[in-house]
Amino acid sequence: MRAGIAVLLLAYVLSQFYRAFLAVLAPVLQAEIGASPADLAAASGLWFLTFAAMQLPIGAALDRLGPRLTSATLFGVGAVGVAMLAMAGSALAVQIAMGLIGVGCAPVLMATYYIFARQFSPTVFGTMAAATIGFASLGNIASSLPLSAAIEAFGWRQTMWGMAGVTALTAVALAVLVRDPPPVGDARGSVIDILRNRAIWPILAMMAVCYAPQAGLRGLWVGPYFAEVHGYDARAIGQVSLWFGLAMVAGNFAYGPMERLFQSRKRVILGGNALAVVCLLGLWLFAAAPPWVATVLLVGLGLFGASFGIVIAHGRAFFPAHLMGRGVTLLNLFGILPIGIAQLITGRIHAGMAGGAPEAPHAAIFLFFALTTSVGLAIYLLSQDRTD
């Protein structure tokens, strides 16, 4: 079982890598195959869309087929996508490849959580869930400076072929080493059965907003903000992004022990995300302040807003064993899909306010995330606490 969990963690590190690596590949893809920024934005969006679209089918597969076959099969599809990217000669090929990689990455975190929920005490689920994300966030860091060094040393196609090989070997390891939990008998049921329990609704609202600000700002808007408002170059932006990412890692590791310290998931989630809203409001109010102010506030956002795993732990406590796979993937769907929607909205905000003061569109984006997170928090106040 330990070997299976270890290889699932490796697969999730790769998943974190693939959701962020396109930013580093973008210049060479633009130069060598003529992919425009809009083409690459669409390719990145396809990763999230296919990832989100697979969640409900994956939930049913986890309950009926188990995590071993589900994760190994789909991660193999992801390896095919990386190989297609290594051979890509057009923007369309890059987009198809990213869609396949999104399909491949879609099951690994939920397969890990499914095993945690079925095989370990509920009292440690939150800690294990948060620590998994914290550890795997190292893949996000690997997709920056280490990837750039590999591309410079070996070339981007050779680097992608190497990653395709690593991904394929990981898929084989998933098939060999992951062990399915014992069957629970009747696995009938659906997402509708889960949604009939209204206790889950406020948690879904929190799920929809708890990750979107960090993913949106870390994945895109940090770069344009520091470039347009503060004149930062790529290296300086990378340094800010690194601090932001490391704060997210630290926050994920901190949330698990906090629920045991306060004997509550709800209070920890409310307090952490309220502080995240304070950081977002600070970014809105002080968008034109010296860059160190924004850096400190972004680090605070990364630290306090890293509640994704503990919110899943809160929702998981309401799912019966035979619907565990469908339950955790429903939560993940609510956590991932809003990121893509938010990026579309914030892109329009930025475009609509361009031409005035350079900080104005970014201040509006910070305010958008502050308001949406506040709405989610207000609904989450109605939730029922459950600490197992």
Protein backbone atom coordinates (compact mmCIF):
# COMPACT_ATOMS: atom_id res chain seq x y z
CA MET A 1 0.00 0.00 0.00
CA ARG A 2 2.82 2.42 0.85
CA ALA A 3 4.47 1.85 -2.54
CA GLY A 4 1.15 2.50 -4.28
CA ILE A 5 0.61 5.76 -2.39
CA ALA A 6 4.18 6.82 -3.18
CA VAL A 7 3.68 6.34 -6.92
CA LEU A 8 0.32 8.17 -6.75
CA LEU A 9 2.15 11.08 -5.10
CA LEU A 10 4.72 11.02 -7.91
CA ALA A 11 1.89 11.08 -10.45
CA TYR A 12 0.36 14.09 -8.70
CA VAL A 13 3.72 15.89 -8.71
CA LEU A 14 3.69 15.39 -12.49
CA SER A 15 0.10 16.67 -12.62
CA GLN A 16 1.16 19.88 -10.87
CA PHE A 17 4.08 20.15 -13.29
CA TYR A 18 1.85 19.83 -16.36
CA ARG A 19 -0.65 22.46 -15.24
CA ALA A 20 2.11 25.10 -15.13
CA PHE A 21 4.85 24.05 -17.59
CA LEU A 22 3.33 25.66 -20.68
CA ALA A 23 4.34 29.12 -19.46
CA VAL A 24 8.00 28.11 -19.76
CA LEU A 25 7.48 26.43 -23.13
CA ALA A 26 5.53 29.38 -24.55
CA PRO A 27 8.46 31.38 -26.03
CA VAL A 28 9.94 28.41 -27.89
CA LEU A 29 6.53 27.24 -29.12
CA GLN A 30 5.83 30.74 -30.44
CA ALA A 31 9.23 30.87 -32.16
CA GLU A 32 9.37 27.36 -33.62
CA ILE A 33 5.80 26.42 -34.54
CA GLY A 34 4.13 29.85 -34.68
CA ALA A 35 1.74 29.35 -31.76
CA SER A 36 0.28 32.69 -30.71
CA PRO A 37 -0.44 33.68 -27.08
CA ALA A 38 -4.15 33.11 -27.79
CA ASP A 39 -3.37 29.61 -29.09
CA LEU A 40 -1.41 28.80 -25.95
CA ALA A 41 -4.09 30.27 -23.70
CA ALA A 42 -6.60 27.97 -25.38
CA ALA A 43 -4.24 25.03 -24.90
CA SER A 44 -3.90 25.80 -21.20
CA GLY A 45 -7.66 26.17 -20.91
CA LEU A 46 -8.17 22.77 -22.53
CA TRP A 47 -6.05 21.19 -19.81
CA PHE A 48 -8.43 22.50 -17.13
CA LEU A 49 -11.58 21.79 -19.15
CA THR A 50 -10.72 18.16 -19.88
CA PHE A 51 -9.49 17.72 -16.31
CA ALA A 52 -12.81 19.03 -14.98
CA ALA A 53 -14.94 17.12 -17.50
CA MET A 54 -13.39 13.82 -16.38
CA GLN A 55 -14.15 14.22 -12.68
CA LEU A 56 -17.65 12.70 -12.54
CA PRO A 57 -16.79 9.68 -14.76
CA ILE A 58 -13.67 9.16 -12.66
CA GLY A 59 -15.77 9.18 -9.49
CA ALA A 60 -17.95 6.37 -10.82
CA ALA A 61 -14.85 4.46 -11.97
CA LEU A 62 -13.20 4.75 -8.55
CA ASP A 63 -16.26 3.28 -6.85
CA ARG A 64 -16.80 0.51 -9.42
CA LEU A 65 -13.33 -0.30 -10.83
CA GLY A 66 -11.01 0.97 -8.11
CA PRO A 67 -8.13 3.45 -8.12
CA ARG A 68 -5.50 1.13 -9.64
CA LEU A 69 -7.10 0.59 -13.05
CA THR A 70 -8.62 4.08 -13.18
CA SER A 71 -5.39 5.96 -12.49
CA ALA A 72 -3.08 3.71 -14.54
CA THR A 73 -5.24 3.73 -17.65
CA LEU A 74 -5.85 7.46 -17.75
CA PHE A 75 -2.28 8.36 -16.83
CA GLY A 76 -1.23 6.31 -19.85
CA VAL A 77 -3.44 8.58 -21.94
CA GLY A 78 -1.53 11.51 -20.45
CA ALA A 79 1.77 9.95 -21.56
CA VAL A 80 0.42 9.80 -25.13
CA GLY A 81 -0.44 13.49 -24.84
CA VAL A 82 3.09 14.41 -23.75
CA ALA A 83 4.52 12.39 -26.66
CA MET A 84 2.17 14.24 -29.03
CA LEU A 85 3.42 17.53 -27.62
CA ALA A 86 7.02 16.45 -28.26
CA MET A 87 6.10 15.93 -31.95
CA ALA A 88 3.81 18.96 -32.28
CA GLY A 89 4.20 21.04 -35.42
CA SER A 90 1.16 23.28 -35.04
CA ALA A 91 -0.88 25.08 -32.41
CA LEU A 92 -3.74 22.61 -32.95
CA ALA A 93 -1.44 19.71 -32.10
CA VAL A 94 -0.37 21.48 -28.90
CA GLN A 95 -4.01 22.02 -27.93
CA ILE A 96 -4.95 18.38 -28.54
CA ALA A 97 -1.89 17.27 -26.59
CA MET A 98 -2.79 19.48 -23.64
CA GLY A 99 -6.32 18.11 -23.64
CA LEU A 100 -4.98 14.55 -23.45
CA ILE A 101 -2.56 15.50 -20.68
CA GLY A 102 -5.48 17.00 -18.74
CA VAL A 103 -7.37 13.70 -19.09
CA GLY A 104 -4.31 11.82 -17.86
CA CYS A 105 -3.78 14.03 -14.82
CA ALA A 106 -7.45 14.06 -13.82
CA PRO A 107 -7.63 10.90 -11.65
CA VAL A 108 -4.46 10.88 -9.58
CA LEU A 109 -5.34 13.20 -6.68
CA MET A 110 -8.81 11.74 -6.33
CA ALA A 111 -7.46 8.18 -6.46
CA THR A 112 -5.11 9.12 -3.64
CA TYR A 113 -7.91 10.67 -1.60
CA TYR A 114 -10.14 7.67 -2.26
CA ILE A 115 -7.51 5.37 -0.73
CA PHE A 116 -7.01 7.74 2.22
CA ALA A 117 -10.77 7.83 2.86
CA ARG A 118 -11.19 4.07 2.64
CA GLN A 119 -8.00 2.84 4.31
CA PHE A 120 -7.13 5.38 7.01
CA SER A 121 -8.84 6.88 10.03
CA PRO A 122 -11.12 9.83 9.20
CA THR A 123 -9.35 11.87 11.87
CA VAL A 124 -6.15 12.06 9.79
CA PHE A 125 -7.78 12.52 6.37
CA GLY A 126 -7.51 16.32 6.44
CA THR A 127 -3.84 16.28 7.39
CA MET A 128 -3.01 13.70 4.71
CA ALA A 129 -5.08 15.51 2.07
CA ALA A 130 -3.41 18.87 2.71
CA ALA A 131 0.08 17.37 2.95
CA THR A 132 -0.42 15.62 -0.40
CA ILE A 133 -1.09 18.93 -2.12
CA GLY A 134 1.79 20.58 -0.29
CA PHE A 135 4.25 17.89 -1.34
CA ALA A 136 3.01 17.75 -4.92
CA SER A 137 3.26 21.53 -5.27
CA LEU A 138 6.96 20.91 -5.75
CA GLY A 139 5.97 19.89 -9.28
CA ASN A 140 4.78 23.44 -9.83
CA ILE A 141 8.19 24.71 -8.79
CA ALA A 142 9.94 22.15 -11.03
CA SER A 143 8.06 23.56 -14.00
CA SER A 144 9.93 26.87 -13.71
CA LEU A 145 13.72 27.13 -13.36
CA PRO A 146 14.52 23.37 -13.63
CA LEU A 147 12.47 23.05 -16.82
CA SER A 148 14.14 26.12 -18.31
CA ALA A 149 17.55 24.59 -17.58
CA ALA A 150 16.56 21.30 -19.22
CA ILE A 151 15.30 23.05 -22.35
CA GLU A 152 18.52 25.03 -22.63
CA ALA A 153 20.63 21.89 -22.16
CA PHE A 154 18.72 19.37 -24.30
CA GLY A 155 16.13 21.26 -26.37
CA TRP A 156 12.39 21.39 -25.79
CA ARG A 157 11.43 18.37 -27.90
CA GLN A 158 14.03 16.14 -26.25
CA THR A 159 12.90 17.37 -22.84
CA MET A 160 9.29 16.55 -23.66
CA TRP A 161 10.26 13.08 -24.90
CA GLY A 162 12.00 12.55 -21.58
CA MET A 163 8.87 13.66 -19.72
CA ALA A 164 6.75 11.35 -21.89
CA GLY A 165 8.97 8.45 -20.82
CA VAL A 166 8.71 9.40 -17.14
CA THR A 167 4.93 9.68 -17.45
CA ALA A 168 4.61 6.31 -19.20
CA LEU A 169 6.78 4.59 -16.59
CA THR A 170 4.67 6.16 -13.86
CA ALA A 171 1.51 4.79 -15.50
CA VAL A 172 3.06 1.29 -15.48
CA ALA A 173 4.06 1.72 -11.83
CA LEU A 174 0.47 2.73 -10.97
CA ALA A 175 -0.80 -0.49 -12.57
CA VAL A 176 1.73 -2.62 -10.69
CA LEU A 177 1.96 -1.01 -7.26
CA VAL A 178 -1.41 0.57 -6.42
CA ARG A 179 -3.65 -1.68 -4.32
CA ASP A 180 -7.42 -1.24 -4.39
CA PRO A 181 -9.24 -1.03 -1.04
CA PRO A 182 -11.59 -3.93 -0.26
CA PRO A 183 -14.91 -3.68 -2.13
CA VAL A 184 -17.85 -2.23 -0.20
CA GLY A 185 -20.51 -4.36 -1.83
CA ASP A 186 -23.28 -2.51 -3.60
CA ALA A 187 -21.72 0.45 -5.45
CA ARG A 188 -24.97 1.70 -6.91
CA GLY A 189 -25.85 5.34 -6.59
CA SER A 190 -25.06 8.61 -8.30
CA VAL A 191 -24.06 12.21 -7.77
CA ILE A 192 -27.78 12.98 -7.39
CA ASP A 193 -27.80 10.87 -4.24
CA ILE A 194 -24.94 12.97 -2.87
CA LEU A 195 -26.64 16.26 -3.74
CA ARG A 196 -29.80 15.17 -1.91
CA ASN A 197 -27.84 15.78 1.28
CA ARG A 198 -28.12 19.55 1.62
CA ALA A 199 -25.32 19.62 4.16
CA ILE A 200 -22.90 19.38 1.25
CA TRP A 201 -24.20 22.48 -0.58
CA PRO A 202 -22.43 25.19 1.50
CA ILE A 203 -19.21 23.16 1.29
CA LEU A 204 -19.50 23.09 -2.51
CA ALA A 205 -19.83 26.89 -2.45
CA MET A 206 -16.62 27.14 -0.43
CA MET A 207 -14.95 24.66 -2.75
CA ALA A 208 -15.78 26.90 -5.73
CA VAL A 209 -13.87 29.90 -4.34
CA CYS A 210 -11.14 28.57 -2.05
CA TYR A 211 -8.59 27.82 -4.80
CA ALA A 212 -9.54 30.20 -7.62
CA PRO A 213 -7.65 33.31 -6.37
CA GLN A 214 -4.37 31.47 -5.86
CA ALA A 215 -4.63 29.52 -9.10
CA GLY A 216 -5.69 32.57 -11.08
CA LEU A 217 -3.04 34.93 -9.74
CA ARG A 218 -0.20 32.41 -9.51
CA GLY A 219 -1.01 30.86 -12.88
CA LEU A 220 -1.40 34.08 -14.85
CA TRP A 221 -1.96 37.52 -13.34
CA VAL A 222 1.17 37.85 -11.20
CA GLY A 223 3.22 38.20 -14.39
CA PRO A 224 1.21 40.93 -16.14
CA TYR A 225 0.70 42.82 -12.86
CA PHE A 226 4.38 43.09 -11.97
CA ALA A 227 5.39 43.73 -15.59
CA GLU A 228 2.80 46.42 -16.33
CA VAL A 229 2.69 48.16 -12.95
CA HIS A 230 6.22 47.71 -11.62
CA GLY A 231 8.26 47.09 -14.78
CA TYR A 232 9.56 43.68 -13.66
CA ASP A 233 11.32 41.44 -16.16
CA ALA A 234 10.84 37.67 -16.43
CA ARG A 235 13.53 36.86 -13.86
CA ALA A 236 12.09 39.22 -11.24
CA ILE A 237 8.57 37.92 -11.87
CA GLY A 238 9.89 34.39 -11.45
CA GLN A 239 11.29 35.30 -8.04
CA VAL A 240 7.94 36.69 -6.88
CA SER A 241 6.15 33.63 -8.25
CA LEU A 242 8.57 31.38 -6.39
CA TRP A 243 7.81 33.07 -3.07
CA PHE A 244 4.09 32.87 -3.80
CA GLY A 245 4.37 29.17 -4.66
CA LEU A 246 6.45 28.33 -1.60
CA ALA A 247 3.86 30.06 0.61
CA MET A 248 1.18 27.84 -0.93
CA VAL A 249 3.29 24.77 -0.12
CA ALA A 250 3.73 25.91 3.49
CA GLY A 251 0.03 26.70 3.83
CA ASN A 252 -1.02 23.25 2.71
CA PHE A 253 1.23 21.62 5.29
CA ALA A 254 -0.09 23.94 8.01
CA TYR A 255 -3.82 23.44 7.51
CA GLY A 256 -3.92 19.78 8.61
CA PRO A 257 -2.48 20.31 12.11
CA MET A 258 -4.64 23.42 12.52
CA GLU A 259 -7.88 21.43 12.34
CA ARG A 260 -6.67 19.23 15.21
CA LEU A 261 -5.46 22.23 17.21
CA PHE A 262 -8.82 24.03 16.99
CA GLN A 263 -10.94 20.84 16.99
CA SER A 264 -12.87 22.21 14.03
CA ARG A 265 -12.65 22.20 10.26
CA LYS A 266 -15.21 24.93 9.75
CA ARG A 267 -13.51 27.49 12.00
CA VAL A 268 -10.11 26.84 10.43
CA ILE A 269 -11.48 27.19 6.89
CA LEU A 270 -13.44 30.33 7.77
CA GLY A 271 -10.50 31.98 9.52
CA GLY A 272 -7.94 31.12 6.85
CA ASN A 273 -10.06 32.28 3.95
CA ALA A 274 -11.12 35.44 5.78
CA LEU A 275 -7.43 36.31 6.09
CA ALA A 276 -7.03 35.51 2.39
CA VAL A 277 -9.80 38.02 1.63
CA VAL A 278 -7.93 40.61 3.71
CA CYS A 279 -4.84 40.02 1.55
CA LEU A 280 -6.89 40.38 -1.65
CA LEU A 281 -8.46 43.61 -0.40
CA GLY A 282 -4.98 44.85 0.44
CA LEU A 283 -3.84 44.10 -3.10
CA TRP A 284 -6.86 46.04 -4.39
CA LEU A 285 -6.30 49.05 -2.15
CA PHE A 286 -2.52 49.17 -2.60
CA ALA A 287 -2.18 48.03 -6.21
CA ALA A 288 0.04 51.04 -6.99
CA ALA A 289 2.15 50.72 -3.82
CA PRO A 290 5.82 49.65 -3.94
CA PRO A 291 6.26 46.09 -5.22
CA TRP A 292 7.33 44.68 -1.86
CA VAL A 293 3.83 45.42 -0.53
CA ALA A 294 2.21 43.28 -3.23
CA THR A 295 4.80 40.54 -2.69
CA VAL A 296 4.04 40.36 1.04
CA LEU A 297 0.29 40.29 0.39
CA LEU A 298 0.66 37.55 -2.24
CA VAL A 299 2.72 35.46 0.16
CA GLY A 300 -0.04 35.94 2.75
CA LEU A 301 -2.65 34.89 0.18
CA GLY A 302 -0.68 31.77 -0.66
CA LEU A 303 -0.30 30.87 3.00
CA PHE A 304 -3.82 31.57 4.27
CA GLY A 305 -5.68 30.51 1.13
CA ALA A 306 -4.22 26.99 0.88
CA SER A 307 -7.39 25.35 2.22
CA PHE A 308 -8.24 23.16 -0.79
CA GLY A 309 -7.37 19.88 0.93
CA ILE A 310 -9.10 20.65 4.21
CA VAL A 311 -12.31 21.75 2.43
CA ILE A 312 -12.32 18.39 0.64
CA ALA A 313 -11.84 16.73 4.04
CA HIS A 314 -14.89 18.60 5.35
CA GLY A 315 -17.04 17.46 2.44
CA ARG A 316 -15.70 13.91 2.51
CA ALA A 317 -17.07 13.47 6.05
CA PHE A 318 -20.63 13.48 4.65
CA PHE A 319 -20.14 10.73 2.03
CA PRO A 320 -21.00 7.05 2.55
CA ALA A 321 -18.26 4.56 1.67
CA HIS A 322 -19.97 3.28 -1.50
CA LEU A 323 -20.18 6.83 -2.91
CA MET A 324 -16.76 8.03 -1.76
CA GLY A 325 -15.25 8.19 -5.26
CA ARG A 326 -18.15 10.15 -6.71
CA GLY A 327 -18.21 12.43 -3.67
CA VAL A 328 -14.57 13.51 -3.70
CA THR A 329 -14.56 13.98 -7.48
CA LEU A 330 -17.68 16.15 -7.23
CA LEU A 331 -15.79 18.34 -4.78
CA ASN A 332 -12.79 18.43 -7.09
CA LEU A 333 -15.03 19.43 -10.02
CA PHE A 334 -16.32 22.39 -8.01
CA GLY A 335 -12.74 23.30 -7.14
CA ILE A 336 -11.28 23.18 -10.66
CA LEU A 337 -14.02 24.32 -13.05
CA PRO A 338 -14.45 27.80 -11.46
CA ILE A 339 -10.77 28.53 -12.13
CA GLY A 340 -11.33 28.40 -15.87
CA ILE A 341 -14.49 30.49 -15.56
CA ALA A 342 -12.70 33.05 -13.39
CA GLN A 343 -9.87 33.34 -15.90
CA LEU A 344 -12.33 34.10 -18.69
CA ILE A 345 -14.00 36.78 -16.56
CA THR A 346 -10.76 38.38 -15.35
CA GLY A 347 -9.42 38.37 -18.90
CA ARG A 348 -12.42 40.46 -19.95
CA ILE A 349 -11.94 42.75 -16.95
CA HIS A 350 -8.34 43.37 -17.92
CA ALA A 351 -9.16 43.96 -21.58
CA GLY A 352 -12.06 46.27 -20.74
CA MET A 353 -9.98 48.49 -18.45
CA ALA A 354 -6.78 48.60 -20.50
CA GLY A 355 -5.54 52.02 -21.56
CA GLY A 356 -5.95 53.83 -18.26
CA ALA A 357 -3.76 53.72 -15.18
CA PRO A 358 -1.66 50.53 -15.38
CA GLU A 359 -2.74 49.34 -11.93
CA ALA A 360 -6.49 49.85 -12.54
CA PRO A 361 -7.32 46.56 -14.33
CA HIS A 362 -5.26 44.57 -11.84
CA ALA A 363 -6.91 46.27 -8.87
CA ALA A 364 -10.27 45.29 -10.39
CA ILE A 365 -9.12 41.67 -10.72
CA PHE A 366 -7.99 41.61 -7.07
CA LEU A 367 -11.37 43.02 -6.05
CA PHE A 368 -13.19 40.40 -8.16
CA PHE A 369 -11.43 37.59 -6.33
CA ALA A 370 -12.02 39.25 -2.95
CA LEU A 371 -15.75 39.60 -3.60
CA THR A 372 -16.27 36.08 -4.97
CA THR A 373 -14.36 34.56 -2.06
CA SER A 374 -16.46 36.64 0.36
CA VAL A 375 -19.68 35.32 -1.19
CA GLY A 376 -18.43 31.75 -0.83
CA LEU A 377 -17.52 32.41 2.80
CA ALA A 378 -20.96 33.86 3.52
CA ILE A 379 -22.65 30.73 2.17
CA TYR A 380 -20.17 28.49 3.98
CA LEU A 381 -21.25 30.05 7.28
CA LEU A 382 -24.37 27.89 6.93
CA SER A 383 -22.36 24.67 6.83
CA GLN A 384 -22.42 21.98 9.48
CA ASP A 385 -19.04 21.38 11.13
CA ARG A 386 -17.80 17.82 11.20
CA THR A 387 -14.39 16.72 12.46
CA ASP A 388 -14.80 12.90 12.40
